[in-house]
Amino acid sequence: MLAHLTVAELAEKLQKKEVSAREAALAALERIEALDRKIKAYITVTADEALAAADAVDARRSKGEQLGPLAGVPMALKDNLCTNGVPTTCAS
């Protein structure tokens, strides 16, 4: 299960093309969907943006572009950071 890999393990699988960034993003989104009703860790989930970013990483990787070591690894941002197009609520 991709959601149970460490960042290093997932990054390695992405770099070796054993898994796509889209698959990693979908796994993260599925995990959020399954658990967030109970733990309420997320205020805003930008699924469409996450999938678009993953697709862009996959496209660049398929062209043989050199990418950073964490390219395609899903991440979450605390909403006290201003992000273009996403509400910044500071959890209030």
Protein backbone atom coordinates (compact mmCIF):
# COMPACT_ATOMS: atom_id res chain seq x y z
CA MET A 1 0.00 0.00 0.00
CA LEU A 2 1.55 3.28 -1.15
CA ALA A 3 0.20 5.29 1.77
CA HIS A 4 2.28 3.20 4.17
CA LEU A 5 5.63 3.79 2.46
CA THR A 6 8.13 6.23 3.90
CA VAL A 7 8.91 9.33 1.87
CA ALA A 8 12.28 7.82 0.92
CA GLU A 9 10.69 4.54 -0.17
CA LEU A 10 8.04 6.29 -2.25
CA ALA A 11 10.58 8.67 -3.80
CA GLU A 12 12.71 5.71 -4.84
CA LYS A 13 9.74 3.91 -6.43
CA LEU A 14 8.81 7.09 -8.30
CA GLN A 15 12.35 7.60 -9.58
CA LYS A 16 12.54 3.98 -10.73
CA LYS A 17 9.11 4.39 -12.42
CA GLU A 18 7.72 1.51 -10.36
CA VAL A 19 4.81 3.78 -9.48
CA SER A 20 3.50 6.99 -11.02
CA ALA A 21 3.01 10.30 -9.28
CA ARG A 22 -0.69 10.01 -10.15
CA GLU A 23 -0.89 6.66 -8.35
CA ALA A 24 0.85 8.17 -5.32
CA ALA A 25 -1.52 11.15 -5.31
CA LEU A 26 -4.58 8.92 -5.63
CA ALA A 27 -3.35 6.75 -2.76
CA ALA A 28 -2.92 9.83 -0.56
CA LEU A 29 -6.34 11.17 -1.52
CA GLU A 30 -7.97 7.80 -0.84
CA ARG A 31 -6.32 7.70 2.59
CA ILE A 32 -7.58 11.20 3.37
CA GLU A 33 -11.08 10.19 2.24
CA ALA A 34 -11.02 7.07 4.40
CA LEU A 35 -9.73 8.66 7.60
CA ASP A 36 -10.42 12.37 7.68
CA ARG A 37 -14.04 12.09 8.82
CA LYS A 38 -12.65 10.70 12.09
CA ILE A 39 -9.42 12.62 12.55
CA LYS A 40 -10.41 15.92 10.90
CA ALA A 41 -6.83 16.79 9.93
CA TYR A 42 -7.72 18.66 6.73
CA ILE A 43 -9.79 21.78 6.20
CA THR A 44 -9.21 21.99 2.44
CA VAL A 45 -8.21 19.14 0.12
CA THR A 46 -7.19 20.26 -3.35
CA ALA A 47 -7.63 16.93 -5.15
CA ASP A 48 -7.89 18.36 -8.68
CA GLU A 49 -4.74 20.42 -8.20
CA ALA A 50 -2.90 17.46 -6.68
CA LEU A 51 -3.77 15.22 -9.61
CA ALA A 52 -2.82 17.90 -12.14
CA ALA A 53 0.54 18.39 -10.44
CA ALA A 54 1.09 14.62 -10.35
CA ASP A 55 0.28 14.35 -14.05
CA ALA A 56 2.77 17.13 -14.79
CA VAL A 57 5.49 15.28 -12.87
CA ASP A 58 4.67 12.06 -14.71
CA ALA A 59 4.84 13.85 -18.07
CA ARG A 60 8.20 15.40 -17.26
CA ARG A 61 9.56 12.10 -15.97
CA SER A 62 8.39 10.27 -19.11
CA LYS A 63 10.34 12.79 -21.22
CA GLY A 64 13.48 11.92 -19.27
CA GLU A 65 13.74 15.28 -17.52
CA GLN A 66 15.89 15.41 -14.42
CA LEU A 67 13.58 16.01 -11.44
CA GLY A 68 14.18 16.73 -7.80
CA PRO A 69 14.34 13.82 -5.35
CA LEU A 70 10.83 14.45 -3.99
CA ALA A 71 9.09 15.05 -7.32
CA GLY A 72 5.75 13.27 -7.21
CA VAL A 73 5.70 12.65 -3.46
CA PRO A 74 2.37 13.94 -2.07
CA MET A 75 2.57 16.55 0.66
CA ALA A 76 0.28 18.57 2.88
CA LEU A 77 0.65 22.21 3.85
CA LYS A 78 -0.60 23.76 7.04
CA ASP A 79 -3.12 26.39 6.05
CA ASN A 80 -1.29 29.19 7.81
CA LEU A 81 0.84 29.45 4.65
CA CYS A 82 -0.58 31.61 1.89
CA THR A 83 -1.25 29.51 -1.19
CA ASN A 84 -2.52 31.02 -4.42
CA GLY A 85 -6.16 30.07 -4.99
CA VAL A 86 -6.62 28.25 -1.66
CA PRO A 87 -8.19 29.85 1.43
CA THR A 88 -5.75 30.56 4.26
CA THR A 89 -7.76 30.08 7.46
CA CYS A 90 -5.06 29.35 10.04
CA ALA A 91 -7.45 26.62 11.20
CA SER A 92 -10.13 29.09 12.29
